[in-house]
Amino acid sequence: MDGSTELLSISAFARRVGLAPSALRFYDDSRVLRPARVDAVTGYRFYSPEQEARAVLLRGLREAGLPLAEVSVVLDGPEHVGREVLERYLERMRAQTQTAKAALAVALRSLSTASSTTEVRIDGVELASAVRQVVPAAASDGEHPALDCVLIEIDDGEVRLIATDRYRLSMRVLKPAALDGGPCHLLMHTADLIELGQWAARVHQVTLQVGPDGARARSATQSCVLATVDAEFPSYREMLSALPPTEYRVIVDRLALRDAVNSRGDSAPIAVSFADDELVLSWADHSQTAALPAICHEDLPQLIGFDPAVLAPALEAGVGPDVLLEISAADRPVVVRSADQGTFTTLVMPVALDTST
């Protein structure tokens, strides 16, 4: 690089190319857009004006929803391969658009026209989406009443929905439109929460009211009492804080991984490994492998096992085109979340693999 080239700070470069500094840091970690120079003392990133075209193209591809692994192919692979990737993605988007239009048309036709109380107003569709995402992680065996429920926690200016069955834990965070009152929580049985979610999907906004006399939900035209459960929910905060540091991280197309997991059925554990920018699914004996393009921050040196009946719903409930797997060890919970959206997180427990068969 020409020593006379004036480098830009990450903030200046971010303004020039229309990306947030946090996005630039993420793309640096993902090896998609590396800075021209990193100060060895301060760690500050600096970019060259010559990188602007790449950054703008990257931004456009991500705004179009292209998975990050495929973005890397378009940016750095042979031109004809990049063109094929974009053409395939365009066809997928056309099919998804038609499906979405049909689903929304059906949904639109179905729509009908001061004390210690806490009130919080939430977008109805977001609440319905959160319910759909976390409910699969709740238990259904009836052995532990609290685990058959979902915790709704209102605190720190957020509304959090949390569910766990001891093998996985899912949490979705919502930003309310308005919040009045102090911290509170309520525990709802999954069947009652599903019913609330179905109702919320049909209204513009939902107001949750929690007070000494119980809990209610209301819209502009309707109001209902919420049935709550008196039980002790596990301390999920302690579970999250006890997670060991992440050692291995991989980013992969969420739906592609979901489909690959589902194709294996749910009769036996599946094995996952990743290296050289590929994620490989197989049986425990390495047979019947399927490789997916991925971005691997570190190669996973061993196989890690998953119950497909647990992993697949976590992927199905995710948000965004890419999923990020964060692994500390083969016998510790794996964090499954969107690569660039942090409002929904699932912990999935690995399972032991029998490599003798």
Protein backbone atom coordinates (compact mmCIF):
# COMPACT_ATOMS: atom_id res chain seq x y z
CA MET A 1 0.00 0.00 0.00
CA ASP A 2 1.22 3.48 -0.83
CA GLY A 3 2.57 5.03 2.35
CA SER A 4 1.10 8.36 1.34
CA THR A 5 -2.45 7.01 1.35
CA GLU A 6 -4.45 8.71 4.06
CA LEU A 7 -6.11 6.15 6.30
CA LEU A 8 -9.53 6.71 7.83
CA SER A 9 -10.57 5.94 11.38
CA ILE A 10 -13.30 3.36 11.83
CA SER A 11 -15.84 6.12 12.58
CA ALA A 12 -14.93 8.15 9.50
CA PHE A 13 -14.93 5.09 7.27
CA ALA A 14 -18.27 3.96 8.73
CA ARG A 15 -19.87 7.31 7.84
CA ARG A 16 -18.44 7.18 4.34
CA VAL A 17 -19.71 3.67 3.50
CA GLY A 18 -22.97 3.68 5.49
CA LEU A 19 -22.04 0.95 7.97
CA ALA A 20 -22.03 1.16 11.75
CA PRO A 21 -18.64 0.86 13.50
CA SER A 22 -19.98 -2.25 15.27
CA ALA A 23 -20.75 -3.79 11.87
CA LEU A 24 -17.20 -3.05 10.67
CA ARG A 25 -15.79 -4.73 13.77
CA PHE A 26 -18.04 -7.74 13.13
CA TYR A 27 -16.94 -7.97 9.49
CA ASP A 28 -13.31 -7.74 10.60
CA ASP A 29 -13.84 -10.64 13.02
CA SER A 30 -15.54 -12.55 10.20
CA ARG A 31 -12.60 -11.90 7.85
CA VAL A 32 -14.90 -10.33 5.27
CA LEU A 33 -13.62 -6.75 5.52
CA ARG A 34 -10.28 -6.45 7.26
CA PRO A 35 -8.91 -2.99 8.18
CA ALA A 36 -5.95 -1.71 6.22
CA ARG A 37 -4.08 -1.28 9.49
CA VAL A 38 -4.61 -2.00 13.19
CA ASP A 39 -2.64 0.04 15.69
CA ALA A 40 -0.54 -2.42 17.66
CA VAL A 41 -0.78 -0.37 20.87
CA THR A 42 -4.37 0.91 20.92
CA GLY A 43 -6.04 -1.73 18.76
CA TYR A 44 -7.74 1.04 16.73
CA ARG A 45 -8.75 0.02 13.23
CA PHE A 46 -7.93 2.17 10.18
CA TYR A 47 -9.27 1.80 6.65
CA SER A 48 -8.07 2.85 3.22
CA PRO A 49 -10.32 4.83 0.83
CA GLU A 50 -9.62 2.05 -1.66
CA GLN A 51 -11.73 -0.28 0.51
CA GLU A 52 -14.85 1.85 0.06
CA ALA A 53 -16.17 -0.01 -3.01
CA ARG A 54 -15.85 -3.38 -1.26
CA ALA A 55 -17.57 -2.04 1.87
CA VAL A 56 -20.46 -0.55 -0.12
CA LEU A 57 -20.96 -3.80 -2.03
CA LEU A 58 -20.82 -5.75 1.23
CA ARG A 59 -23.44 -3.46 2.75
CA GLY A 60 -25.72 -3.90 -0.26
CA LEU A 61 -25.43 -7.69 -0.22
CA ARG A 62 -26.21 -7.82 3.51
CA GLU A 63 -29.15 -5.45 3.13
CA ALA A 64 -30.45 -7.87 0.50
CA GLY A 65 -30.23 -10.64 3.11
CA LEU A 66 -27.45 -12.67 1.51
CA PRO A 67 -25.91 -15.09 4.06
CA LEU A 68 -22.42 -14.07 5.10
CA ALA A 69 -20.81 -17.27 3.86
CA GLU A 70 -22.21 -16.55 0.38
CA VAL A 71 -21.16 -12.90 0.61
CA SER A 72 -17.58 -14.10 1.01
CA VAL A 73 -17.89 -16.13 -2.20
CA VAL A 74 -19.22 -13.12 -4.13
CA LEU A 75 -16.50 -10.81 -2.82
CA ASP A 76 -13.50 -13.12 -3.08
CA GLY A 77 -14.40 -16.08 -5.29
CA PRO A 78 -14.23 -16.41 -9.06
CA GLU A 79 -16.61 -14.07 -10.86
CA HIS A 80 -18.63 -16.87 -12.48
CA VAL A 81 -19.11 -18.59 -9.09
CA GLY A 82 -20.22 -15.32 -7.48
CA ARG A 83 -22.69 -14.75 -10.29
CA GLU A 84 -24.14 -18.25 -9.80
CA VAL A 85 -24.50 -17.61 -6.05
CA LEU A 86 -26.40 -14.37 -6.68
CA GLU A 87 -28.66 -15.89 -9.30
CA ARG A 88 -29.58 -18.80 -7.01
CA TYR A 89 -30.25 -16.40 -4.15
CA LEU A 90 -32.44 -14.23 -6.37
CA GLU A 91 -34.55 -17.26 -7.27
CA ARG A 92 -34.91 -18.15 -3.58
CA MET A 93 -36.02 -14.61 -2.80
CA ARG A 94 -38.61 -14.64 -5.57
CA ALA A 95 -40.09 -17.89 -4.24
CA GLN A 96 -40.09 -16.63 -0.65
CA THR A 97 -41.73 -13.36 -1.71
CA GLN A 98 -44.58 -15.20 -3.39
CA THR A 99 -45.04 -17.41 -0.33
CA ALA A 100 -45.01 -14.40 2.00
CA LYS A 101 -47.53 -12.51 -0.13
CA ALA A 102 -49.94 -15.43 -0.01
CA ALA A 103 -49.53 -15.86 3.76
CA LEU A 104 -50.01 -12.15 4.45
CA ALA A 105 -53.09 -12.03 2.25
CA VAL A 106 -54.65 -14.84 4.30
CA ALA A 107 -53.68 -13.10 7.55
CA LEU A 108 -55.15 -9.77 6.41
CA ARG A 109 -58.43 -11.38 5.49
CA SER A 110 -58.62 -13.00 8.92
CA LEU A 111 -58.24 -9.74 10.86
CA SER A 112 -61.34 -8.22 12.48
CA THR A 113 -62.05 -4.96 12.32
CA ALA A 114 -51.85 3.43 39.83
CA SER A 115 -50.59 1.55 42.59
CA SER A 116 -47.78 -0.97 42.24
CA THR A 117 -49.08 -1.93 38.85
CA THR A 118 -46.65 -2.15 35.94
CA GLU A 119 -47.84 -1.51 32.40
CA VAL A 120 -45.82 -2.21 29.28
CA ARG A 121 -46.90 -1.72 25.67
CA ILE A 122 -45.47 -4.08 23.04
CA ASP A 123 -45.92 -4.52 19.32
CA GLY A 124 -48.42 -7.35 18.87
CA VAL A 125 -46.58 -9.10 16.03
CA GLU A 126 -43.26 -8.96 17.92
CA LEU A 127 -44.88 -10.50 21.00
CA ALA A 128 -46.41 -13.25 18.88
CA SER A 129 -43.02 -13.89 17.26
CA ALA A 130 -41.31 -14.07 20.66
CA VAL A 131 -43.86 -16.59 21.90
CA ARG A 132 -43.32 -18.76 18.83
CA GLN A 133 -39.56 -18.69 19.35
CA VAL A 134 -39.30 -19.52 23.05
CA VAL A 135 -42.17 -22.00 23.55
CA PRO A 136 -40.33 -24.94 21.90
CA ALA A 137 -37.73 -24.78 24.69
CA ALA A 138 -40.32 -25.31 27.46
CA ALA A 139 -40.82 -28.76 28.98
CA SER A 140 -44.02 -30.74 28.49
CA ASP A 141 -43.63 -33.73 30.80
CA GLY A 142 -45.44 -32.22 33.80
CA GLU A 143 -42.73 -33.34 36.23
CA HIS A 144 -41.63 -29.78 37.03
CA PRO A 145 -44.50 -27.27 36.77
CA ALA A 146 -42.22 -24.25 36.38
CA LEU A 147 -40.48 -25.81 33.38
CA ASP A 148 -43.83 -26.29 31.62
CA CYS A 149 -44.11 -22.49 31.66
CA VAL A 150 -42.54 -19.42 30.10
CA LEU A 151 -41.22 -16.60 32.27
CA ILE A 152 -42.16 -13.08 31.20
CA GLU A 153 -39.81 -10.64 32.90
CA ILE A 154 -40.16 -6.86 32.75
CA ASP A 155 -36.95 -5.18 33.89
CA ASP A 156 -34.19 -2.80 32.76
CA GLY A 157 -36.44 -1.26 30.11
CA GLU A 158 -36.90 -4.64 28.42
CA VAL A 159 -39.44 -7.43 28.20
CA ARG A 160 -37.80 -10.86 28.23
CA LEU A 161 -39.44 -14.21 27.50
CA ILE A 162 -37.49 -17.21 28.80
CA ALA A 163 -38.15 -20.95 28.61
CA THR A 164 -36.09 -24.01 29.48
CA ASP A 165 -36.49 -27.78 29.68
CA ARG A 166 -33.00 -28.36 31.21
CA TYR A 167 -31.61 -29.44 27.82
CA ARG A 168 -31.98 -26.04 26.20
CA LEU A 169 -32.83 -22.49 27.18
CA SER A 170 -34.35 -19.87 24.88
CA MET A 171 -34.62 -16.15 25.54
CA ARG A 172 -36.12 -13.39 23.39
CA VAL A 173 -35.70 -9.73 24.33
CA LEU A 174 -38.30 -7.14 23.28
CA LYS A 175 -38.00 -3.36 23.40
CA PRO A 176 -41.36 -1.96 24.56
CA ALA A 177 -43.01 1.08 23.00
CA ALA A 178 -43.83 2.33 26.51
CA LEU A 179 -43.16 1.18 30.06
CA ASP A 180 -44.65 2.49 33.29
CA GLY A 181 -43.90 0.93 36.67
CA GLY A 182 -41.24 -1.12 38.36
CA PRO A 183 -39.67 -4.50 37.61
CA CYS A 184 -42.02 -7.48 37.70
CA HIS A 185 -42.51 -10.92 36.24
CA LEU A 186 -45.18 -13.49 35.58
CA LEU A 187 -45.12 -17.18 34.79
CA MET A 188 -47.54 -18.53 32.19
CA HIS A 189 -48.26 -22.08 31.10
CA THR A 190 -47.20 -22.62 27.51
CA ALA A 191 -50.75 -23.38 26.30
CA ASP A 192 -52.03 -20.10 27.74
CA LEU A 193 -49.07 -18.18 26.32
CA ILE A 194 -49.60 -19.68 22.86
CA GLU A 195 -53.19 -18.49 23.02
CA LEU A 196 -51.98 -15.01 24.01
CA GLY A 197 -49.51 -15.03 21.12
CA GLN A 198 -52.19 -15.98 18.62
CA TRP A 199 -54.34 -13.11 19.85
CA ALA A 200 -51.39 -10.67 19.87
CA ALA A 201 -50.62 -11.45 16.23
CA ARG A 202 -53.97 -9.95 15.29
CA VAL A 203 -53.66 -6.61 17.07
CA HIS A 204 -51.43 -3.60 16.53
CA GLN A 205 -50.19 -3.28 20.11
CA VAL A 206 -50.63 -5.22 23.33
CA THR A 207 -50.52 -3.71 26.80
CA LEU A 208 -49.52 -6.07 29.59
CA GLN A 209 -50.63 -4.98 33.04
CA VAL A 210 -49.17 -6.72 36.10
CA GLY A 211 -50.26 -5.78 39.61
CA PRO A 212 -51.43 -7.06 43.00
CA ASP A 213 -54.72 -8.21 41.51
CA GLY A 214 -53.11 -10.29 38.79
CA ALA A 215 -52.19 -9.79 35.17
CA ARG A 216 -54.17 -8.64 32.16
CA ALA A 217 -53.57 -8.08 28.47
CA ARG A 218 -55.47 -5.55 26.43
CA SER A 219 -55.60 -4.02 22.98
CA ALA A 220 -57.47 -0.97 21.76
CA THR A 221 -60.74 -2.93 21.75
CA GLN A 222 -60.27 -6.05 23.89
CA SER A 223 -59.08 -7.07 27.33
CA CYS A 224 -58.50 -10.43 28.99
CA VAL A 225 -57.24 -11.85 32.28
CA LEU A 226 -53.96 -13.77 32.05
CA ALA A 227 -53.75 -17.08 33.90
CA THR A 228 -50.47 -17.24 35.81
CA VAL A 229 -48.65 -20.06 37.59
CA ASP A 230 -47.32 -19.83 41.14
CA ALA A 231 -44.00 -21.68 40.85
CA GLU A 232 -40.27 -20.98 41.11
CA PHE A 233 -38.63 -20.58 37.71
CA PRO A 234 -34.93 -21.55 37.47
CA SER A 235 -32.42 -18.74 37.89
CA TYR A 236 -31.61 -18.31 34.21
CA ARG A 237 -29.32 -15.35 34.90
CA GLU A 238 -27.00 -17.59 36.92
CA MET A 239 -27.08 -20.15 34.12
CA LEU A 240 -26.00 -17.52 31.60
CA SER A 241 -23.33 -15.99 33.83
CA ALA A 242 -21.87 -19.46 34.51
CA LEU A 243 -21.16 -20.10 30.83
CA PRO A 244 -17.44 -20.54 30.19
CA PRO A 245 -15.67 -18.35 27.63
CA THR A 246 -16.31 -19.18 23.98
CA GLU A 247 -13.45 -21.05 22.33
CA TYR A 248 -14.92 -21.83 18.90
CA ARG A 249 -17.28 -19.78 16.75
CA VAL A 250 -18.80 -20.57 13.38
CA ILE A 251 -21.28 -18.68 11.19
CA VAL A 252 -23.40 -20.62 8.71
CA ASP A 253 -26.60 -20.23 6.69
CA ARG A 254 -29.33 -20.87 9.28
CA LEU A 255 -31.92 -22.45 6.98
CA ALA A 256 -29.34 -24.57 5.18
CA LEU A 257 -28.15 -25.97 8.51
CA ARG A 258 -31.74 -26.51 9.65
CA ASP A 259 -32.56 -28.45 6.49
CA ALA A 260 -29.39 -30.52 6.81
CA VAL A 261 -30.25 -31.41 10.42
CA ASN A 262 -33.85 -32.25 9.54
CA SER A 263 -32.73 -34.49 6.68
CA ARG A 264 -31.03 -36.78 9.22
CA GLY A 265 -34.25 -37.53 11.09
CA ASP A 266 -34.31 -37.61 14.88
CA SER A 267 -33.51 -41.25 15.67
CA ALA A 268 -29.83 -40.78 16.46
CA PRO A 269 -27.46 -37.97 17.51
CA ILE A 270 -25.72 -36.05 14.75
CA ALA A 271 -22.10 -34.95 14.82
CA VAL A 272 -20.89 -31.47 13.92
CA SER A 273 -17.38 -30.26 13.20
CA PHE A 274 -15.98 -27.29 11.32
CA ALA A 275 -12.68 -26.30 9.76
CA ASP A 276 -11.35 -24.59 6.66
CA ASP A 277 -14.54 -22.51 6.32
CA GLU A 278 -16.81 -25.55 6.16
CA LEU A 279 -19.27 -26.95 8.68
CA VAL A 280 -19.66 -30.72 8.36
CA LEU A 281 -22.61 -32.78 9.58
CA SER A 282 -22.27 -36.53 9.90
CA TRP A 283 -23.08 -39.53 12.03
CA ALA A 284 -20.78 -40.23 14.94
CA ASP A 285 -18.62 -42.56 12.81
CA HIS A 286 -18.01 -39.76 10.26
CA SER A 287 -20.28 -41.44 7.70
CA GLN A 288 -22.85 -39.69 5.48
CA THR A 289 -21.22 -36.29 5.70
CA ALA A 290 -22.75 -33.07 4.45
CA ALA A 291 -20.62 -29.93 4.14
CA LEU A 292 -21.95 -26.37 4.30
CA PRO A 293 -20.04 -23.14 3.54
CA ALA A 294 -19.21 -21.39 6.80
CA ILE A 295 -17.03 -18.77 8.44
CA CYS A 296 -14.93 -20.45 11.12
CA HIS A 297 -13.16 -18.19 13.58
CA GLU A 298 -11.34 -21.23 14.98
CA ASP A 299 -11.38 -24.83 13.77
CA LEU A 300 -13.30 -27.21 16.06
CA PRO A 301 -10.76 -29.96 16.83
CA GLN A 302 -13.31 -32.66 17.70
CA LEU A 303 -16.83 -33.79 16.88
CA ILE A 304 -19.63 -32.39 19.00
CA GLY A 305 -22.93 -34.24 19.23
CA PHE A 306 -26.47 -32.87 19.12
CA ASP A 307 -29.92 -34.33 19.45
CA PRO A 308 -31.52 -33.24 16.14
CA ALA A 309 -34.91 -32.97 17.86
CA VAL A 310 -33.40 -30.26 20.07
CA LEU A 311 -31.09 -28.49 17.61
CA ALA A 312 -33.54 -28.25 14.69
CA PRO A 313 -36.23 -26.27 16.62
CA ALA A 314 -33.54 -23.86 17.85
CA LEU A 315 -32.54 -23.18 14.25
CA GLU A 316 -36.15 -22.99 13.07
CA ALA A 317 -37.01 -20.41 15.71
CA GLY A 318 -33.99 -18.23 14.92
CA VAL A 319 -33.96 -14.87 13.20
CA GLY A 320 -31.88 -13.61 10.30
CA PRO A 321 -30.21 -15.48 7.44
CA ASP A 322 -27.14 -16.59 9.41
CA VAL A 323 -26.75 -18.48 12.66
CA LEU A 324 -23.79 -18.19 15.02
CA LEU A 325 -22.72 -21.21 17.07
CA GLU A 326 -20.53 -20.41 20.09
CA ILE A 327 -18.87 -23.47 21.65
CA SER A 328 -16.70 -23.67 24.76
CA ALA A 329 -16.36 -27.47 25.02
CA ALA A 330 -18.03 -30.61 23.70
CA ASP A 331 -19.84 -31.17 27.01
CA ARG A 332 -20.93 -27.60 27.76
CA PRO A 333 -23.98 -25.64 26.52
CA VAL A 334 -23.68 -24.28 22.99
CA VAL A 335 -24.99 -20.77 22.31
CA VAL A 336 -27.13 -20.62 19.17
CA ARG A 337 -28.11 -17.15 17.98
CA SER A 338 -28.38 -14.86 15.01
CA ALA A 339 -25.01 -13.75 13.68
CA ASP A 340 -26.02 -10.09 13.61
CA GLN A 341 -29.22 -9.80 15.66
CA GLY A 342 -28.96 -10.34 19.39
CA THR A 343 -32.60 -10.37 20.53
CA PHE A 344 -33.06 -14.16 20.42
CA THR A 345 -30.65 -16.62 22.00
CA THR A 346 -30.87 -20.36 22.63
CA LEU A 347 -28.59 -22.59 24.70
CA VAL A 348 -28.45 -26.19 23.49
CA MET A 349 -26.85 -29.01 25.47
CA PRO A 350 -24.60 -31.33 23.43
CA VAL A 351 -25.05 -35.09 23.70
CA ALA A 352 -22.53 -37.91 23.92
CA LEU A 353 -21.54 -39.57 20.66
CA ASP A 354 -21.04 -43.32 20.31
CA THR A 355 -18.17 -43.50 17.83
CA SER A 356 -17.88 -47.30 18.07
CA THR A 357 -20.75 -47.92 15.59
